[in-house]
């Protein structure tokens, strides 16, 4: 039974932390350490974590001396994993693992040392997703998985709670996550799968919760997901796609990004309920475009506005 490091970076997680810890304790796989890394929480997070640590020596609590932004905090947490662990599994404090999660993921990972990441189906709120890879295959070429993702297939990695990684890969990256990228978890998967294969369990093994204070909800508010999709096409497309594939996909991704970006921009500028996040929204999108060497194209903005007006007029005519 290979040694597994399970990691939970947490800030003010008292509402769901007990459920998360209990899901780790309920694992049928038993050869693990569990690191709970507190980021200067102001609630009872530390007290809850230390309560469980006193009951089970496999649970260890680490506390940051100063508050860190999300990505630096995640990176610090991953640097604390044991040098003896073979695999690393993140579970966020508002998520949970189903009892067979670790044993099933380890079973697939052990089939081939070229497997760098293992994924599985997940329950996301009330739906099941991350489930489009063909069954019963369990090992897929990493570069092909990335290629299909870039060509528009649905997300297959999910959040860090939904995958398991080889610990050597984690230890060999000084900053595992790019701290300038709010969706660095997906970008890290692309970087790893340049050289490794992707293992997959055709079974629901994790639960991801979406709530008003979650990072997913925050991402939806700022529409960071669509910006990240365009960013990944520009950043990884030339490497994982053929020249013609990339040319076509780049234009498709850009048009899709502008449709969503312009639509959200109008809301941020005009609707009172959206104005509170207006500055942060535009700052985020300016930075993303700057990072990938893109500029706002006025021609595309105007053509997108005109397309949205025509669609609105058509829907009004239909209603009348």
C-alpha atoms as a PDB file:
ATOM      1  CA  UNK A   1       0.000   0.000   0.000  1.00  0.00           C
ATOM      2  CA  UNK A   2       1.871   3.115  -1.204  1.00  0.00           C
ATOM      3  CA  UNK A   3       1.977   6.014   1.226  1.00  0.00           C
ATOM      4  CA  UNK A   4      -0.438   8.831   0.234  1.00  0.00           C
ATOM      5  CA  UNK A   5      -0.299  12.485   1.310  1.00  0.00           C
ATOM      6  CA  UNK A   6      -3.750  14.054   1.600  1.00  0.00           C
ATOM      7  CA  UNK A   7      -3.739  17.854   1.848  1.00  0.00           C
ATOM      8  CA  UNK A   8      -6.400  20.411   2.817  1.00  0.00           C
ATOM      9  CA  UNK A   9      -5.419  24.090   2.605  1.00  0.00           C
ATOM     10  CA  UNK A  10      -8.139  25.993   4.478  1.00  0.00           C
ATOM     11  CA  UNK A  11      -9.241  29.467   5.491  1.00  0.00           C
ATOM     12  CA  UNK A  12     -12.329  30.004   7.677  1.00  0.00           C
ATOM     13  CA  UNK A  13     -13.598  26.537   6.826  1.00  0.00           C
ATOM     14  CA  UNK A  14     -15.510  25.692  10.002  1.00  0.00           C
ATOM     15  CA  UNK A  15     -18.840  25.206   8.226  1.00  0.00           C
ATOM     16  CA  UNK A  16     -17.775  22.156   6.198  1.00  0.00           C
ATOM     17  CA  UNK A  17     -14.408  21.091   7.632  1.00  0.00           C
ATOM     18  CA  UNK A  18     -15.759  18.329   9.883  1.00  0.00           C
ATOM     19  CA  UNK A  19     -17.513  16.729   6.936  1.00  0.00           C
ATOM     20  CA  UNK A  20     -14.310  16.934   4.895  1.00  0.00           C
ATOM     21  CA  UNK A  21     -12.163  15.373   7.650  1.00  0.00           C
ATOM     22  CA  UNK A  22     -14.713  12.618   8.276  1.00  0.00           C
ATOM     23  CA  UNK A  23     -14.622  11.742   4.568  1.00  0.00           C
ATOM     24  CA  UNK A  24     -10.850  11.225   4.831  1.00  0.00           C
ATOM     25  CA  UNK A  25     -11.211   9.120   7.975  1.00  0.00           C
ATOM     26  CA  UNK A  26     -13.825   6.961   6.236  1.00  0.00           C
ATOM     27  CA  UNK A  27     -11.435   5.917   3.453  1.00  0.00           C
ATOM     28  CA  UNK A  28     -11.116   2.178   2.957  1.00  0.00           C
ATOM     29  CA  UNK A  29      -7.450   2.916   2.178  1.00  0.00           C
ATOM     30  CA  UNK A  30      -5.523   3.453   5.404  1.00  0.00           C
ATOM     31  CA  UNK A  31      -1.854   4.183   4.579  1.00  0.00           C
ATOM     32  CA  UNK A  32      -1.968   7.963   4.483  1.00  0.00           C
ATOM     33  CA  UNK A  33      -1.027  11.194   6.196  1.00  0.00           C
ATOM     34  CA  UNK A  34      -3.492  14.066   6.304  1.00  0.00           C
ATOM     35  CA  UNK A  35      -2.127  17.632   6.366  1.00  0.00           C
ATOM     36  CA  UNK A  36      -4.556  20.405   7.263  1.00  0.00           C
ATOM     37  CA  UNK A  37      -2.880  23.743   6.547  1.00  0.00           C
ATOM     38  CA  UNK A  38      -4.622  26.736   8.108  1.00  0.00           C
ATOM     39  CA  UNK A  39      -4.241  30.144   6.490  1.00  0.00           C
ATOM     40  CA  UNK A  40      -4.779  32.358   9.591  1.00  0.00           C
ATOM     41  CA  UNK A  41      -8.464  31.492   9.976  1.00  0.00           C
ATOM     42  CA  UNK A  42     -10.565  33.714  12.239  1.00  0.00           C
ATOM     43  CA  UNK A  43     -13.173  31.084  13.077  1.00  0.00           C
ATOM     44  CA  UNK A  44     -12.933  27.678  14.781  1.00  0.00           C
ATOM     45  CA  UNK A  45     -11.097  25.997  11.893  1.00  0.00           C
ATOM     46  CA  UNK A  46      -7.900  25.336  13.881  1.00  0.00           C
ATOM     47  CA  UNK A  47      -9.795  24.052  16.917  1.00  0.00           C
ATOM     48  CA  UNK A  48     -11.713  21.569  14.754  1.00  0.00           C
ATOM     49  CA  UNK A  49      -8.548  20.383  12.985  1.00  0.00           C
ATOM     50  CA  UNK A  50      -6.601  19.971  16.236  1.00  0.00           C
ATOM     51  CA  UNK A  51      -9.487  18.060  17.796  1.00  0.00           C
ATOM     52  CA  UNK A  52      -9.210  15.421  15.083  1.00  0.00           C
ATOM     53  CA  UNK A  53      -5.394  15.471  15.152  1.00  0.00           C
ATOM     54  CA  UNK A  54      -5.494  14.514  18.840  1.00  0.00           C
ATOM     55  CA  UNK A  55      -7.634  11.511  17.967  1.00  0.00           C
ATOM     56  CA  UNK A  56      -5.643  10.226  14.964  1.00  0.00           C
ATOM     57  CA  UNK A  57      -1.832  10.585  14.661  1.00  0.00           C
ATOM     58  CA  UNK A  58      -2.066  10.449  10.860  1.00  0.00           C
ATOM     59  CA  UNK A  59      -3.657  13.925  10.953  1.00  0.00           C
ATOM     60  CA  UNK A  60      -1.260  16.880  11.221  1.00  0.00           C
ATOM     61  CA  UNK A  61      -2.137  20.561  11.521  1.00  0.00           C
ATOM     62  CA  UNK A  62       0.103  23.332  10.175  1.00  0.00           C
ATOM     63  CA  UNK A  63      -0.589  27.037  10.702  1.00  0.00           C
ATOM     64  CA  UNK A  64       0.641  29.878   8.518  1.00  0.00           C
ATOM     65  CA  UNK A  65       2.388  32.734  10.317  1.00  0.00           C
ATOM     66  CA  UNK A  66       0.816  35.229   7.941  1.00  0.00           C
ATOM     67  CA  UNK A  67      -2.186  35.219   5.634  1.00  0.00           C
ATOM     68  CA  UNK A  68      -1.372  34.149   2.058  1.00  0.00           C
ATOM     69  CA  UNK A  69      -3.323  34.591  -1.189  1.00  0.00           C
ATOM     70  CA  UNK A  70      -4.970  31.427  -2.507  1.00  0.00           C
ATOM     71  CA  UNK A  71      -2.280  30.127  -4.863  1.00  0.00           C
ATOM     72  CA  UNK A  72       0.707  30.836  -2.572  1.00  0.00           C
ATOM     73  CA  UNK A  73      -1.214  29.114   0.222  1.00  0.00           C
ATOM     74  CA  UNK A  74      -1.886  26.058  -1.938  1.00  0.00           C
ATOM     75  CA  UNK A  75       1.798  25.951  -2.903  1.00  0.00           C
ATOM     76  CA  UNK A  76       2.902  26.123   0.723  1.00  0.00           C
ATOM     77  CA  UNK A  77       0.538  23.294   1.633  1.00  0.00           C
ATOM     78  CA  UNK A  78       1.948  21.036  -1.096  1.00  0.00           C
ATOM     79  CA  UNK A  79       5.529  21.721   0.028  1.00  0.00           C
ATOM     80  CA  UNK A  80       4.684  20.088   3.373  1.00  0.00           C
ATOM     81  CA  UNK A  81       3.925  16.612   2.021  1.00  0.00           C
ATOM     82  CA  UNK A  82       6.026  13.728   3.296  1.00  0.00           C
ATOM     83  CA  UNK A  83       9.197  12.808   1.340  1.00  0.00           C
ATOM     84  CA  UNK A  84       8.016   9.210   1.683  1.00  0.00           C
ATOM     85  CA  UNK A  85       4.638   9.609  -0.051  1.00  0.00           C
ATOM     86  CA  UNK A  86       4.145   8.153  -3.512  1.00  0.00           C
ATOM     87  CA  UNK A  87       0.895   9.948  -4.296  1.00  0.00           C
ATOM     88  CA  UNK A  88      -0.639  13.283  -3.316  1.00  0.00           C
ATOM     89  CA  UNK A  89      -4.368  13.966  -3.005  1.00  0.00           C
ATOM     90  CA  UNK A  90      -5.816  17.423  -2.371  1.00  0.00           C
ATOM     91  CA  UNK A  91      -9.284  17.782  -0.869  1.00  0.00           C
ATOM     92  CA  UNK A  92     -10.596  21.283  -0.252  1.00  0.00           C
ATOM     93  CA  UNK A  93     -12.301  21.993   3.046  1.00  0.00           C
ATOM     94  CA  UNK A  94     -15.756  22.389   1.475  1.00  0.00           C
ATOM     95  CA  UNK A  95     -15.459  19.188  -0.578  1.00  0.00           C
ATOM     96  CA  UNK A  96     -15.377  15.528   0.410  1.00  0.00           C
ATOM     97  CA  UNK A  97     -14.142  12.134  -0.755  1.00  0.00           C
ATOM     98  CA  UNK A  98     -16.278   9.041  -1.129  1.00  0.00           C
ATOM     99  CA  UNK A  99     -14.976   6.018   0.861  1.00  0.00           C
ATOM    100  CA  UNK A 100     -13.366   4.226  -2.116  1.00  0.00           C
ATOM    101  CA  UNK A 101     -11.672   7.330  -3.558  1.00  0.00           C
ATOM    102  CA  UNK A 102      -8.061   6.721  -2.520  1.00  0.00           C
ATOM    103  CA  UNK A 103      -8.037   2.958  -3.035  1.00  0.00           C
ATOM    104  CA  UNK A 104      -9.520   3.246  -6.541  1.00  0.00           C
ATOM    105  CA  UNK A 105      -7.207   6.052  -7.622  1.00  0.00           C
ATOM    106  CA  UNK A 106      -4.114   4.297  -6.266  1.00  0.00           C
ATOM    107  CA  UNK A 107      -5.176   1.086  -8.006  1.00  0.00           C
ATOM    108  CA  UNK A 108      -5.229   2.825 -11.398  1.00  0.00           C
ATOM    109  CA  UNK A 109      -2.056   4.849 -10.731  1.00  0.00           C
ATOM    110  CA  UNK A 110      -0.125   1.665  -9.935  1.00  0.00           C
ATOM    111  CA  UNK A 111      -0.915   0.155 -13.332  1.00  0.00           C
ATOM    112  CA  UNK A 112       1.770   2.217 -15.067  1.00  0.00           C
ATOM    113  CA  UNK A 113       4.534   4.459 -13.740  1.00  0.00           C
ATOM    114  CA  UNK A 114       3.889   6.792 -16.682  1.00  0.00           C
ATOM    115  CA  UNK A 115       0.556   7.829 -15.121  1.00  0.00           C
ATOM    116  CA  UNK A 116       1.121  11.258 -13.573  1.00  0.00           C
ATOM    117  CA  UNK A 117      -2.468  12.236 -12.774  1.00  0.00           C
ATOM    118  CA  UNK A 118      -5.562  10.196 -11.954  1.00  0.00           C
ATOM    119  CA  UNK A 119      -9.082  11.583 -12.330  1.00  0.00           C
ATOM    120  CA  UNK A 120     -12.601  10.226 -11.898  1.00  0.00           C
ATOM    121  CA  UNK A 121     -16.261  11.136 -12.104  1.00  0.00           C
ATOM    122  CA  UNK A 122     -17.383  13.690  -9.539  1.00  0.00           C
ATOM    123  CA  UNK A 123     -20.658  14.803  -8.046  1.00  0.00           C
ATOM    124  CA  UNK A 124     -20.805  18.577  -8.483  1.00  0.00           C
ATOM    125  CA  UNK A 125     -23.757  19.818  -6.485  1.00  0.00           C
ATOM    126  CA  UNK A 126     -26.623  17.700  -7.805  1.00  0.00           C
ATOM    127  CA  UNK A 127     -25.011  16.665 -11.105  1.00  0.00           C
ATOM    128  CA  UNK A 128     -22.349  14.151 -12.125  1.00  0.00           C
ATOM    129  CA  UNK A 129     -19.674  15.345 -14.552  1.00  0.00           C
ATOM    130  CA  UNK A 130     -16.047  14.844 -15.695  1.00  0.00           C
ATOM    131  CA  UNK A 131     -17.340  11.677 -17.332  1.00  0.00           C
ATOM    132  CA  UNK A 132     -16.737  11.844 -21.083  1.00  0.00           C
ATOM    133  CA  UNK A 133     -13.671   9.583 -21.434  1.00  0.00           C
ATOM    134  CA  UNK A 134     -14.598   6.195 -22.961  1.00  0.00           C
ATOM    135  CA  UNK A 135     -15.171   3.267 -20.608  1.00  0.00           C
ATOM    136  CA  UNK A 136     -13.735   0.772 -19.685  1.00  0.00           C
ATOM    137  CA  UNK A 137     -10.297   2.237 -20.591  1.00  0.00           C
ATOM    138  CA  UNK A 138      -8.331   3.443 -17.582  1.00  0.00           C
ATOM    139  CA  UNK A 139      -5.143   4.863 -19.125  1.00  0.00           C
ATOM    140  CA  UNK A 140      -5.083   7.649 -21.712  1.00  0.00           C
ATOM    141  CA  UNK A 141      -2.245   9.473 -23.454  1.00  0.00           C
ATOM    142  CA  UNK A 142      -1.845  12.739 -21.582  1.00  0.00           C
ATOM    143  CA  UNK A 143      -1.203  14.842 -24.664  1.00  0.00           C
ATOM    144  CA  UNK A 144      -4.323  13.479 -26.380  1.00  0.00           C
ATOM    145  CA  UNK A 145      -6.501  14.283 -23.358  1.00  0.00           C
ATOM    146  CA  UNK A 146      -5.169  17.851 -23.433  1.00  0.00           C
ATOM    147  CA  UNK A 147      -5.681  18.087 -27.188  1.00  0.00           C
ATOM    148  CA  UNK A 148      -9.346  17.052 -26.932  1.00  0.00           C
ATOM    149  CA  UNK A 149      -9.880  19.486 -24.060  1.00  0.00           C
ATOM    150  CA  UNK A 150      -8.449  22.347 -26.130  1.00  0.00           C
ATOM    151  CA  UNK A 151     -10.675  21.389 -29.050  1.00  0.00           C
ATOM    152  CA  UNK A 152     -13.736  22.013 -26.914  1.00  0.00           C
ATOM    153  CA  UNK A 153     -14.479  18.823 -25.005  1.00  0.00           C
ATOM    154  CA  UNK A 154     -15.870  19.466 -21.487  1.00  0.00           C
ATOM    155  CA  UNK A 155     -13.653  19.821 -18.436  1.00  0.00           C
ATOM    156  CA  UNK A 156     -12.051  16.539 -17.394  1.00  0.00           C
ATOM    157  CA  UNK A 157      -9.839  17.654 -14.497  1.00  0.00           C
ATOM    158  CA  UNK A 158     -12.314  19.536 -12.315  1.00  0.00           C
ATOM    159  CA  UNK A 159     -10.778  21.140  -9.236  1.00  0.00           C
ATOM    160  CA  UNK A 160      -7.741  19.915  -7.232  1.00  0.00           C
ATOM    161  CA  UNK A 161     -10.173  17.884  -5.078  1.00  0.00           C
ATOM    162  CA  UNK A 162     -10.978  15.684  -8.070  1.00  0.00           C
ATOM    163  CA  UNK A 163      -7.524  14.407  -9.014  1.00  0.00           C
ATOM    164  CA  UNK A 164      -4.567  12.561  -7.494  1.00  0.00           C
ATOM    165  CA  UNK A 165      -0.943  13.159  -8.547  1.00  0.00           C
ATOM    166  CA  UNK A 166       2.408  11.429  -8.194  1.00  0.00           C
ATOM    167  CA  UNK A 167       4.189  13.036  -5.276  1.00  0.00           C
ATOM    168  CA  UNK A 168       7.521  13.164  -7.132  1.00  0.00           C
ATOM    169  CA  UNK A 169       5.912  15.485  -9.664  1.00  0.00           C
ATOM    170  CA  UNK A 170       4.659  17.726  -6.870  1.00  0.00           C
ATOM    171  CA  UNK A 171       8.018  17.780  -5.115  1.00  0.00           C
ATOM    172  CA  UNK A 172       9.927  18.536  -8.326  1.00  0.00           C
ATOM    173  CA  UNK A 173       7.986  21.752  -8.990  1.00  0.00           C
ATOM    174  CA  UNK A 174       9.172  24.584  -6.714  1.00  0.00           C
ATOM    175  CA  UNK A 175       5.900  26.436  -7.235  1.00  0.00           C
ATOM    176  CA  UNK A 176       3.446  23.750  -8.201  1.00  0.00           C
ATOM    177  CA  UNK A 177       0.786  26.310  -9.136  1.00  0.00           C
ATOM    178  CA  UNK A 178       1.469  29.456 -11.164  1.00  0.00           C
ATOM    179  CA  UNK A 179       0.636  32.114  -8.587  1.00  0.00           C
ATOM    180  CA  UNK A 180      -0.346  34.639 -11.277  1.00  0.00           C
ATOM    181  CA  UNK A 181      -3.056  32.348 -12.713  1.00  0.00           C
ATOM    182  CA  UNK A 182      -6.328  31.997 -10.774  1.00  0.00           C
ATOM    183  CA  UNK A 183      -6.996  28.734 -12.647  1.00  0.00           C
ATOM    184  CA  UNK A 184      -3.473  27.409 -12.222  1.00  0.00           C
ATOM    185  CA  UNK A 185      -4.750  23.967 -11.165  1.00  0.00           C
ATOM    186  CA  UNK A 186      -5.897  23.219 -14.723  1.00  0.00           C
ATOM    187  CA  UNK A 187      -2.764  24.738 -16.254  1.00  0.00           C
ATOM    188  CA  UNK A 188      -0.650  22.502 -13.990  1.00  0.00           C
ATOM    189  CA  UNK A 189      -2.466  19.460 -15.404  1.00  0.00           C
ATOM    190  CA  UNK A 190      -1.533  20.514 -18.937  1.00  0.00           C
ATOM    191  CA  UNK A 191       2.094  20.982 -17.936  1.00  0.00           C
ATOM    192  CA  UNK A 192       2.266  17.556 -16.277  1.00  0.00           C
ATOM    193  CA  UNK A 193       0.524  15.749 -19.127  1.00  0.00           C
ATOM    194  CA  UNK A 194       3.167  16.933 -21.568  1.00  0.00           C
ATOM    195  CA  UNK A 195       5.243  14.044 -20.245  1.00  0.00           C
ATOM    196  CA  UNK A 196       2.812  11.742 -18.416  1.00  0.00           C
ATOM    197  CA  UNK A 197      -0.329   9.737 -19.077  1.00  0.00           C
ATOM    198  CA  UNK A 198      -3.738  10.301 -17.519  1.00  0.00           C
ATOM    199  CA  UNK A 199      -5.323   7.591 -15.372  1.00  0.00           C
ATOM    200  CA  UNK A 200      -9.077   7.483 -14.989  1.00  0.00           C
ATOM    201  CA  UNK A 201     -11.606   5.783 -12.704  1.00  0.00           C
ATOM    202  CA  UNK A 202     -15.110   5.398 -14.160  1.00  0.00           C
ATOM    203  CA  UNK A 203     -16.768   5.904 -10.806  1.00  0.00           C
ATOM    204  CA  UNK A 204     -17.981   8.865  -8.716  1.00  0.00           C
ATOM    205  CA  UNK A 205     -15.228   9.361  -6.144  1.00  0.00           C
ATOM    206  CA  UNK A 206     -15.462  13.006  -5.055  1.00  0.00           C
ATOM    207  CA  UNK A 207     -18.054  15.611  -4.166  1.00  0.00           C
ATOM    208  CA  UNK A 208     -17.514  19.294  -4.961  1.00  0.00           C
ATOM    209  CA  UNK A 209     -19.742  21.804  -3.244  1.00  0.00           C
ATOM    210  CA  UNK A 210     -20.688  25.153  -4.766  1.00  0.00           C
ATOM    211  CA  UNK A 211     -21.870  27.837  -2.376  1.00  0.00           C
ATOM    212  CA  UNK A 212     -21.929  31.625  -2.220  1.00  0.00           C
ATOM    213  CA  UNK A 213     -18.521  31.883  -0.520  1.00  0.00           C
ATOM    214  CA  UNK A 214     -16.701  29.290  -2.633  1.00  0.00           C
ATOM    215  CA  UNK A 215     -13.969  30.147  -5.103  1.00  0.00           C
ATOM    216  CA  UNK A 216     -16.158  28.683  -7.868  1.00  0.00           C
ATOM    217  CA  UNK A 217     -18.894  31.204  -7.091  1.00  0.00           C
ATOM    218  CA  UNK A 218     -16.322  33.986  -7.081  1.00  0.00           C
ATOM    219  CA  UNK A 219     -15.016  32.803 -10.458  1.00  0.00           C
ATOM    220  CA  UNK A 220     -18.543  32.848 -11.886  1.00  0.00           C
ATOM    221  CA  UNK A 221     -19.056  36.405 -10.636  1.00  0.00           C
ATOM    222  CA  UNK A 222     -15.942  37.647 -12.434  1.00  0.00           C
ATOM    223  CA  UNK A 223     -16.312  35.241 -15.387  1.00  0.00           C
ATOM    224  CA  UNK A 224     -12.764  34.002 -14.931  1.00  0.00           C
ATOM    225  CA  UNK A 225     -13.558  30.605 -16.459  1.00  0.00           C
ATOM    226  CA  UNK A 226     -14.129  31.899 -19.990  1.00  0.00           C
ATOM    227  CA  UNK A 227     -10.997  34.016 -19.796  1.00  0.00           C
ATOM    228  CA  UNK A 228      -9.062  30.963 -18.603  1.00  0.00           C
ATOM    229  CA  UNK A 229     -10.321  28.858 -21.529  1.00  0.00           C
ATOM    230  CA  UNK A 230      -9.084  31.450 -24.010  1.00  0.00           C
ATOM    231  CA  UNK A 231      -5.816  31.725 -22.093  1.00  0.00           C
ATOM    232  CA  UNK A 232      -5.250  27.954 -22.264  1.00  0.00           C
ATOM    233  CA  UNK A 233      -5.863  27.851 -26.017  1.00  0.00           C
ATOM    234  CA  UNK A 234      -3.267  30.607 -26.550  1.00  0.00           C
ATOM    235  CA  UNK A 235      -0.806  29.178 -24.008  1.00  0.00           C
ATOM    236  CA  UNK A 236      -0.995  25.463 -24.830  1.00  0.00           C
ATOM    237  CA  UNK A 237      -2.627  25.286 -28.261  1.00  0.00           C
ATOM    238  CA  UNK A 238       0.586  25.633 -30.309  1.00  0.00           C
ATOM    239  CA  UNK A 239       2.071  22.699 -28.370  1.00  0.00           C
ATOM    240  CA  UNK A 240      -0.855  20.260 -28.218  1.00  0.00           C
ATOM    241  CA  UNK A 241      -2.691  21.061 -31.480  1.00  0.00           C
ATOM    242  CA  UNK A 242      -1.694  20.803 -35.109  1.00  0.00           C
ATOM    243  CA  UNK A 243      -1.027  24.086 -36.907  1.00  0.00           C
ATOM    244  CA  UNK A 244      -4.384  24.129 -38.714  1.00  0.00           C
ATOM    245  CA  UNK A 245      -6.248  22.906 -35.625  1.00  0.00           C
ATOM    246  CA  UNK A 246      -4.747  25.711 -33.591  1.00  0.00           C
ATOM    247  CA  UNK A 247      -5.561  28.369 -36.176  1.00  0.00           C
ATOM    248  CA  UNK A 248      -9.238  27.365 -36.250  1.00  0.00           C
ATOM    249  CA  UNK A 249      -9.532  26.829 -32.508  1.00  0.00           C
ATOM    250  CA  UNK A 250      -7.862  30.137 -31.707  1.00  0.00           C
ATOM    251  CA  UNK A 251     -10.426  32.069 -33.747  1.00  0.00           C
ATOM    252  CA  UNK A 252     -13.313  30.090 -32.223  1.00  0.00           C
ATOM    253  CA  UNK A 253     -12.068  30.612 -28.673  1.00  0.00           C
ATOM    254  CA  UNK A 254     -11.495  34.320 -29.219  1.00  0.00           C
ATOM    255  CA  UNK A 255     -14.992  34.885 -30.633  1.00  0.00           C
ATOM    256  CA  UNK A 256     -16.568  32.913 -27.798  1.00  0.00           C
ATOM    257  CA  UNK A 257     -14.574  34.847 -25.223  1.00  0.00           C
ATOM    258  CA  UNK A 258     -15.614  38.195 -26.683  1.00  0.00           C
ATOM    259  CA  UNK A 259     -19.293  37.175 -26.776  1.00  0.00           C
ATOM    260  CA  UNK A 260     -19.255  36.361 -23.074  1.00  0.00           C
ATOM    261  CA  UNK A 261     -16.904  39.189 -22.117  1.00  0.00           C
ATOM    262  CA  UNK A 262     -18.919  41.870 -23.922  1.00  0.00           C
ATOM    263  CA  UNK A 263     -22.215  40.548 -22.562  1.00  0.00           C
ATOM    264  CA  UNK A 264     -20.910  40.562 -18.995  1.00  0.00           C
ATOM    265  CA  UNK A 265     -19.297  43.962 -19.529  1.00  0.00           C
ATOM    266  CA  UNK A 266     -22.666  45.487 -20.425  1.00  0.00           C
ATOM    267  CA  UNK A 267     -24.127  44.050 -17.220  1.00  0.00           C
ATOM    268  CA  UNK A 268     -21.268  45.381 -15.116  1.00  0.00           C
ATOM    269  CA  UNK A 269     -21.692  48.867 -16.613  1.00  0.00           C
ATOM    270  CA  UNK A 270     -25.479  49.130 -16.564  1.00  0.00           C
ATOM    271  CA  UNK A 271     -27.007  46.967 -13.826  1.00  0.00           C
ATOM    272  CA  UNK A 272     -26.844  48.341 -10.269  1.00  0.00           C
ATOM    273  CA  UNK A 273     -26.393  44.908  -8.710  1.00  0.00           C
ATOM    274  CA  UNK A 274     -23.263  44.292 -10.780  1.00  0.00           C
ATOM    275  CA  UNK A 275     -21.437  47.560 -10.129  1.00  0.00           C
ATOM    276  CA  UNK A 276     -19.815  46.382  -6.896  1.00  0.00           C
ATOM    277  CA  UNK A 277     -17.540  44.011  -8.840  1.00  0.00           C
ATOM    278  CA  UNK A 278     -17.092  46.191 -11.930  1.00  0.00           C
ATOM    279  CA  UNK A 279     -13.540  47.366 -11.188  1.00  0.00           C
ATOM    280  CA  UNK A 280     -12.327  43.880 -10.218  1.00  0.00           C
ATOM    281  CA  UNK A 281     -13.988  42.349 -13.293  1.00  0.00           C
ATOM    282  CA  UNK A 282     -12.279  44.675 -15.790  1.00  0.00           C
ATOM    283  CA  UNK A 283      -8.945  44.530 -13.951  1.00  0.00           C
ATOM    284  CA  UNK A 284      -8.956  40.726 -14.106  1.00  0.00           C
ATOM    285  CA  UNK A 285      -9.720  40.563 -17.825  1.00  0.00           C
ATOM    286  CA  UNK A 286      -7.185  43.242 -18.717  1.00  0.00           C
ATOM    287  CA  UNK A 287      -4.536  41.287 -16.839  1.00  0.00           C
ATOM    288  CA  UNK A 288      -5.409  37.972 -18.512  1.00  0.00           C
ATOM    289  CA  UNK A 289      -5.198  39.499 -21.981  1.00  0.00           C
ATOM    290  CA  UNK A 290      -1.922  41.201 -21.089  1.00  0.00           C
ATOM    291  CA  UNK A 291      -0.454  37.934 -19.776  1.00  0.00           C
ATOM    292  CA  UNK A 292      -1.067  36.105 -23.050  1.00  0.00           C
ATOM    293  CA  UNK A 293       0.044  38.967 -25.292  1.00  0.00           C
ATOM    294  CA  UNK A 294      -3.458  39.894 -26.464  1.00  0.00           C
ATOM    295  CA  UNK A 295      -5.104  43.309 -26.662  1.00  0.00           C
ATOM    296  CA  UNK A 296      -8.777  44.240 -26.648  1.00  0.00           C
ATOM    297  CA  UNK A 297      -9.823  44.368 -30.307  1.00  0.00           C
ATOM    298  CA  UNK A 298     -12.336  47.166 -30.794  1.00  0.00           C
ATOM    299  CA  UNK A 299     -13.487  45.609 -34.070  1.00  0.00           C
ATOM    300  CA  UNK A 300     -14.459  42.418 -32.272  1.00  0.00           C
ATOM    301  CA  UNK A 301     -16.096  44.345 -29.449  1.00  0.00           C
ATOM    302  CA  UNK A 302     -18.268  46.316 -31.881  1.00  0.00           C
ATOM    303  CA  UNK A 303     -19.205  43.307 -33.988  1.00  0.00           C
ATOM    304  CA  UNK A 304     -20.097  41.364 -30.837  1.00  0.00           C
ATOM    305  CA  UNK A 305     -22.251  44.233 -29.537  1.00  0.00           C
ATOM    306  CA  UNK A 306     -24.061  44.376 -32.885  1.00  0.00           C
ATOM    307  CA  UNK A 307     -24.627  40.597 -32.831  1.00  0.00           C
ATOM    308  CA  UNK A 308     -26.076  40.785 -29.309  1.00  0.00           C
ATOM    309  CA  UNK A 309     -28.383  43.657 -30.332  1.00  0.00           C
ATOM    310  CA  UNK A 310     -29.659  41.688 -33.312  1.00  0.00           C
ATOM    311  CA  UNK A 311     -30.294  38.625 -31.146  1.00  0.00           C
ATOM    312  CA  UNK A 312     -32.207  40.747 -28.633  1.00  0.00           C
ATOM    313  CA  UNK A 313     -34.283  42.352 -31.368  1.00  0.00           C
ATOM    314  CA  UNK A 314     -35.059  38.938 -32.884  1.00  0.00           C
ATOM    315  CA  UNK A 315     -36.213  37.594 -29.511  1.00  0.00           C
ATOM    316  CA  UNK A 316     -38.425  40.668 -29.005  1.00  0.00           C
ATOM    317  CA  UNK A 317     -40.011  40.213 -32.439  1.00  0.00           C
ATOM    318  CA  UNK A 318     -40.686  36.558 -31.608  1.00  0.00           C
ATOM    319  CA  UNK A 319     -42.274  37.527 -28.279  1.00  0.00           C
ATOM    320  CA  UNK A 320     -44.522  40.048 -30.004  1.00  0.00           C
END
